[in-house]
Amino acid sequence: MYDDKFIPGIRKLTDACHAYGAKVGVELAFEENYAKRRGGPFEYIGPSDVATRAGKQRPRPLTTAEVEEIVEQFGEAARRAIEGGFDLIHILGSAGYPIAQFASPLTNRRTDKYGGSFEKRLRLHAEIIQSMKKKAGKDAIISWRMGGQDFMPGGNTLEDSVKIAQWLEKQGVQVINVTTGWHDSGQPFIQYFVPKANWIFMGERIKKGINIPVIVGTRIVDPVMADKIIGEGRADMIY
């Protein structure tokens, strides 16, 4: 989604889906902490100079200007998504990837406008949403994937995640997708020995605190289980 040259190919994909009555969305991700400018080297970056686990390298903190550039890029990517025919734009804001790190007091130690208070740590989220709606249209449907909690000492708890979901709803997000925690936490989430539907309690709690649809998943392993969860009103959709 980083270049207009992809739009014709994207349109072929979405047209094929729509021909059979399906809706189709795209996930936009600022994924992991490895970044590369065109013609430049790969760098390990993050909101602050904080390693997320022992032995892991410390990221180079992004400058304020670089964060603003990322906001602009999300808006442009959303525009391309809509021009390419996607029905929904999904943001990956979970798992300890950079967007989640900006929201966490563990990894966001910034002193500029993107760090400090709860609202400042979520300023990146708000500006991404505003940028996408400005460039893709105010009616663009935005889904946001977030962790039920970080499972990291000093990170966001489930109750913090409820507040984040409420904040996202106020900013104009129409769907919340609740996954588990950060990859660096060491907590098993998806392994076969984890009980089925073990993490649904987090999505249920978040659903009670907001007024928009909630998607849950992780160890929901068959359509019968998924149908039962939706039928009981514990979630609106299953991934």
Protein backbone atom coordinates (compact mmCIF):
# COMPACT_ATOMS: atom_id res chain seq x y z
CA MET A 1 0.00 0.00 0.00
CA TYR A 2 3.00 2.30 -0.07
CA ASP A 3 2.75 3.28 -3.77
CA ASP A 4 -0.03 4.19 -6.22
CA LYS A 5 1.41 1.67 -8.68
CA PHE A 6 -0.27 -1.12 -6.72
CA ILE A 7 -3.82 0.23 -7.09
CA PRO A 8 -4.65 -1.52 -10.45
CA GLY A 9 -3.61 -4.89 -9.06
CA ILE A 10 -5.50 -4.28 -5.84
CA ARG A 11 -8.61 -3.45 -7.85
CA LYS A 12 -8.40 -6.81 -9.65
CA LEU A 13 -8.37 -8.57 -6.29
CA THR A 14 -11.28 -6.65 -4.79
CA ASP A 15 -13.35 -6.92 -7.98
CA ALA A 16 -12.91 -10.70 -7.90
CA CYS A 17 -14.11 -10.83 -4.28
CA HIS A 18 -17.06 -8.52 -4.91
CA ALA A 19 -18.13 -10.58 -7.92
CA TYR A 20 -19.03 -13.38 -5.50
CA GLY A 21 -20.77 -11.14 -2.98
CA ALA A 22 -17.90 -11.00 -0.49
CA LYS A 23 -16.67 -8.00 1.44
CA VAL A 24 -12.91 -7.59 1.64
CA GLY A 25 -10.65 -5.59 3.91
CA VAL A 26 -6.94 -4.86 4.10
CA GLU A 27 -4.62 -4.72 7.09
CA LEU A 28 -2.24 -1.78 7.28
CA ALA A 29 0.71 -2.54 9.50
CA PHE A 30 3.62 -0.64 10.96
CA GLU A 31 4.99 -4.05 11.76
CA GLU A 32 7.85 -5.04 14.04
CA ASN A 33 10.50 -2.43 14.67
CA TYR A 34 12.54 -2.79 11.51
CA ALA A 35 12.25 0.16 9.16
CA LYS A 36 13.92 1.16 5.94
CA ARG A 37 13.79 4.30 3.88
CA ARG A 38 14.08 3.90 0.15
CA GLY A 39 17.78 3.65 -0.57
CA GLY A 40 18.66 3.58 3.12
CA PRO A 41 19.68 0.88 5.60
CA PHE A 42 17.38 -1.13 7.84
CA GLU A 43 17.12 0.33 11.33
CA TYR A 44 15.64 -0.92 14.58
CA ILE A 45 13.27 1.82 15.72
CA GLY A 46 10.63 2.49 18.36
CA PRO A 47 8.97 5.21 20.40
CA SER A 48 11.79 5.22 22.97
CA ASP A 49 15.15 3.67 23.78
CA VAL A 50 13.58 0.76 25.67
CA ALA A 51 14.24 -2.92 24.96
CA THR A 52 11.14 -5.12 25.31
CA ARG A 53 12.99 -8.11 26.75
CA ALA A 54 16.40 -9.03 28.12
CA GLY A 55 19.05 -9.38 25.44
CA LYS A 56 17.02 -7.57 22.79
CA GLN A 57 18.56 -4.53 21.17
CA ARG A 58 17.38 -1.06 22.10
CA PRO A 59 15.55 0.76 19.32
CA ARG A 60 16.46 4.17 18.00
CA PRO A 61 13.70 6.53 19.11
CA LEU A 62 11.77 7.99 16.20
CA THR A 63 11.94 11.77 15.87
CA THR A 64 8.77 13.82 16.06
CA ALA A 65 9.05 14.53 12.34
CA GLU A 66 9.36 10.81 11.56
CA VAL A 67 6.22 10.02 13.56
CA GLU A 68 4.36 12.74 11.67
CA GLU A 69 5.59 11.19 8.42
CA ILE A 70 4.25 7.79 9.49
CA VAL A 71 0.86 9.38 10.19
CA GLU A 72 0.87 10.82 6.66
CA GLN A 73 1.81 7.45 5.18
CA PHE A 74 -1.08 5.70 6.90
CA GLY A 75 -3.43 8.26 5.38
CA GLU A 76 -2.03 7.73 1.91
CA ALA A 77 -2.20 3.93 2.32
CA ALA A 78 -5.85 4.21 3.36
CA ARG A 79 -6.59 6.33 0.30
CA ARG A 80 -5.05 3.70 -1.94
CA ALA A 81 -7.04 0.99 -0.18
CA ILE A 82 -10.34 2.75 -0.86
CA GLU A 83 -9.37 3.59 -4.44
CA GLY A 84 -8.47 -0.07 -4.86
CA GLY A 85 -11.94 -1.15 -3.77
CA PHE A 86 -11.43 -2.42 -0.24
CA ASP A 87 -14.49 -2.24 2.01
CA LEU A 88 -12.65 -2.00 5.32
CA ILE A 89 -9.28 -0.74 6.57
CA HIS A 90 -7.81 -2.74 9.44
CA ILE A 91 -4.96 -1.39 11.58
CA LEU A 92 -2.52 -3.70 13.33
CA GLY A 93 -2.08 -2.05 16.71
CA SER A 94 -1.30 -5.08 18.87
CA ALA A 95 1.34 -7.70 19.75
CA GLY A 96 4.03 -5.26 20.84
CA TYR A 97 4.48 -3.78 17.38
CA PRO A 98 5.33 -0.06 17.29
CA ILE A 99 1.76 1.26 17.49
CA ALA A 100 1.20 -0.80 20.64
CA GLN A 101 4.52 0.41 22.00
CA PHE A 102 3.41 4.02 21.65
CA ALA A 103 0.35 3.24 23.79
CA SER A 104 2.32 1.50 26.52
CA PRO A 105 3.90 3.30 29.50
CA LEU A 106 6.53 0.55 29.46
CA THR A 107 7.99 1.51 26.10
CA ASN A 108 6.82 5.08 25.55
CA ARG A 109 9.07 7.37 27.57
CA ARG A 110 8.85 10.26 25.12
CA THR A 111 8.72 13.89 26.20
CA ASP A 112 7.34 15.32 22.95
CA LYS A 113 3.67 15.47 21.94
CA TYR A 114 3.57 11.68 21.46
CA GLY A 115 4.46 10.71 25.03
CA GLY A 116 3.63 11.31 28.65
CA SER A 117 -0.04 11.22 29.62
CA PHE A 118 -2.52 8.58 28.48
CA GLU A 119 -3.87 10.93 25.81
CA LYS A 120 -0.39 11.80 24.53
CA ARG A 121 0.63 8.14 24.31
CA LEU A 122 -2.46 7.62 22.15
CA ARG A 123 -1.92 10.72 20.05
CA LEU A 124 -0.36 8.59 17.29
CA HIS A 125 -3.52 6.46 17.20
CA ALA A 126 -5.77 9.52 16.95
CA GLU A 127 -3.67 11.16 14.24
CA ILE A 128 -3.54 7.96 12.17
CA ILE A 129 -7.34 7.74 12.29
CA GLN A 130 -7.73 11.42 11.40
CA SER A 131 -5.24 11.09 8.53
CA MET A 132 -7.02 8.05 7.11
CA LYS A 133 -10.45 9.66 7.29
CA LYS A 134 -9.13 12.84 5.70
CA LYS A 135 -7.52 11.04 2.77
CA ALA A 136 -9.78 8.01 2.36
CA GLY A 137 -13.06 9.74 3.22
CA LYS A 138 -14.92 10.19 6.48
CA ASP A 139 -17.12 7.18 5.68
CA ALA A 140 -14.18 4.77 5.42
CA ILE A 141 -14.73 1.85 7.80
CA ILE A 142 -11.81 1.42 10.21
CA SER A 143 -11.15 -1.69 12.28
CA TRP A 144 -8.44 -1.64 14.95
CA ARG A 145 -6.66 -4.69 16.31
CA MET A 146 -5.47 -4.28 19.88
CA GLY A 147 -4.28 -6.54 22.66
CA GLY A 148 -6.58 -7.42 25.52
CA GLN A 149 -3.56 -6.57 27.66
CA ASP A 150 0.20 -6.45 27.18
CA PHE A 151 1.17 -9.27 29.56
CA MET A 152 4.31 -7.22 30.18
CA PRO A 153 5.39 -5.89 33.61
CA GLY A 154 4.73 -2.17 33.55
CA GLY A 155 2.59 -2.43 30.42
CA ASN A 156 -1.12 -1.94 29.81
CA THR A 157 -3.56 -4.07 31.81
CA LEU A 158 -7.00 -5.26 30.68
CA GLU A 159 -8.62 -2.23 32.30
CA ASP A 160 -6.15 0.02 30.47
CA SER A 161 -7.16 -1.71 27.24
CA VAL A 162 -10.82 -0.96 27.94
CA LYS A 163 -9.89 2.73 28.16
CA ILE A 164 -7.89 2.49 24.93
CA ALA A 165 -10.86 0.89 23.14
CA GLN A 166 -13.13 3.66 24.42
CA TRP A 167 -10.62 6.24 23.16
CA LEU A 168 -10.49 4.57 19.73
CA GLU A 169 -14.28 4.57 19.51
CA LYS A 170 -14.34 8.31 20.24
CA GLN A 171 -11.78 8.88 17.47
CA GLY A 172 -14.04 7.20 14.91
CA VAL A 173 -13.01 3.54 14.84
CA GLN A 174 -16.05 1.39 13.95
CA VAL A 175 -14.78 -2.09 14.91
CA ILE A 176 -12.42 -3.32 17.65
CA ASN A 177 -10.53 -6.57 17.09
CA VAL A 178 -9.24 -7.98 20.38
CA THR A 179 -6.26 -10.31 20.29
CA THR A 180 -3.97 -11.40 23.13
CA GLY A 181 -0.69 -9.81 24.31
CA TRP A 182 2.82 -8.94 23.23
CA HIS A 183 5.02 -11.52 21.54
CA ASP A 184 7.89 -10.61 23.86
CA SER A 185 5.85 -11.44 26.96
CA GLY A 186 6.73 -15.13 26.78
CA GLN A 187 3.10 -16.02 27.56
CA PRO A 188 1.80 -18.91 25.42
CA PHE A 189 -1.23 -17.71 23.45
CA ILE A 190 -1.86 -19.89 20.40
CA GLN A 191 -0.18 -23.20 21.25
CA TYR A 192 -2.32 -26.35 21.12
CA PHE A 193 -2.04 -26.89 24.88
CA VAL A 194 -3.69 -23.54 25.63
CA PRO A 195 -7.38 -24.20 26.42
CA LYS A 196 -9.84 -23.42 23.64
CA ALA A 197 -11.32 -19.90 23.75
CA ASN A 198 -9.02 -19.21 26.70
CA TRP A 199 -8.67 -15.49 26.01
CA ILE A 200 -12.24 -14.55 25.18
CA PHE A 201 -12.70 -12.93 28.59
CA MET A 202 -10.63 -9.96 27.41
CA GLY A 203 -12.84 -9.30 24.40
CA GLU A 204 -15.94 -9.72 26.55
CA ARG A 205 -14.68 -7.15 29.04
CA ILE A 206 -13.82 -4.66 26.31
CA LYS A 207 -17.19 -5.24 24.61
CA LYS A 208 -18.97 -4.23 27.82
CA GLY A 209 -17.14 -0.90 27.81
CA ILE A 210 -17.84 0.23 24.24
CA ASN A 211 -20.73 0.55 21.81
CA ILE A 212 -19.18 -0.74 18.58
CA PRO A 213 -18.76 -4.34 17.36
CA VAL A 214 -16.01 -6.46 18.88
CA ILE A 215 -14.15 -9.25 17.10
CA VAL A 216 -12.41 -11.95 19.14
CA GLY A 217 -10.22 -14.91 18.29
CA THR A 218 -7.18 -16.92 19.38
CA ARG A 219 -7.83 -20.60 20.17
CA ILE A 220 -11.36 -20.45 18.80
CA VAL A 221 -10.78 -23.47 16.66
CA ASP A 222 -13.98 -24.49 14.86
CA PRO A 223 -17.13 -22.90 13.41
CA VAL A 224 -19.44 -24.56 15.96
CA MET A 225 -17.54 -22.91 18.81
CA ALA A 226 -17.51 -19.60 16.96
CA ASP A 227 -21.25 -19.76 16.31
CA LYS A 228 -21.93 -20.51 19.99
CA ILE A 229 -19.82 -17.55 21.16
CA ILE A 230 -21.67 -15.16 18.85
CA GLY A 231 -25.05 -16.67 19.78
CA GLU A 232 -24.33 -16.08 23.46
CA GLY A 233 -23.55 -12.42 22.77
CA ARG A 234 -19.98 -12.73 23.94
CA ALA A 235 -18.65 -11.24 20.67
CA ASP A 236 -19.96 -9.90 17.39
CA MET A 237 -17.51 -11.58 15.03
CA ILE A 238 -14.76 -14.21 15.14
CA TYR A 239 -11.38 -14.07 13.42
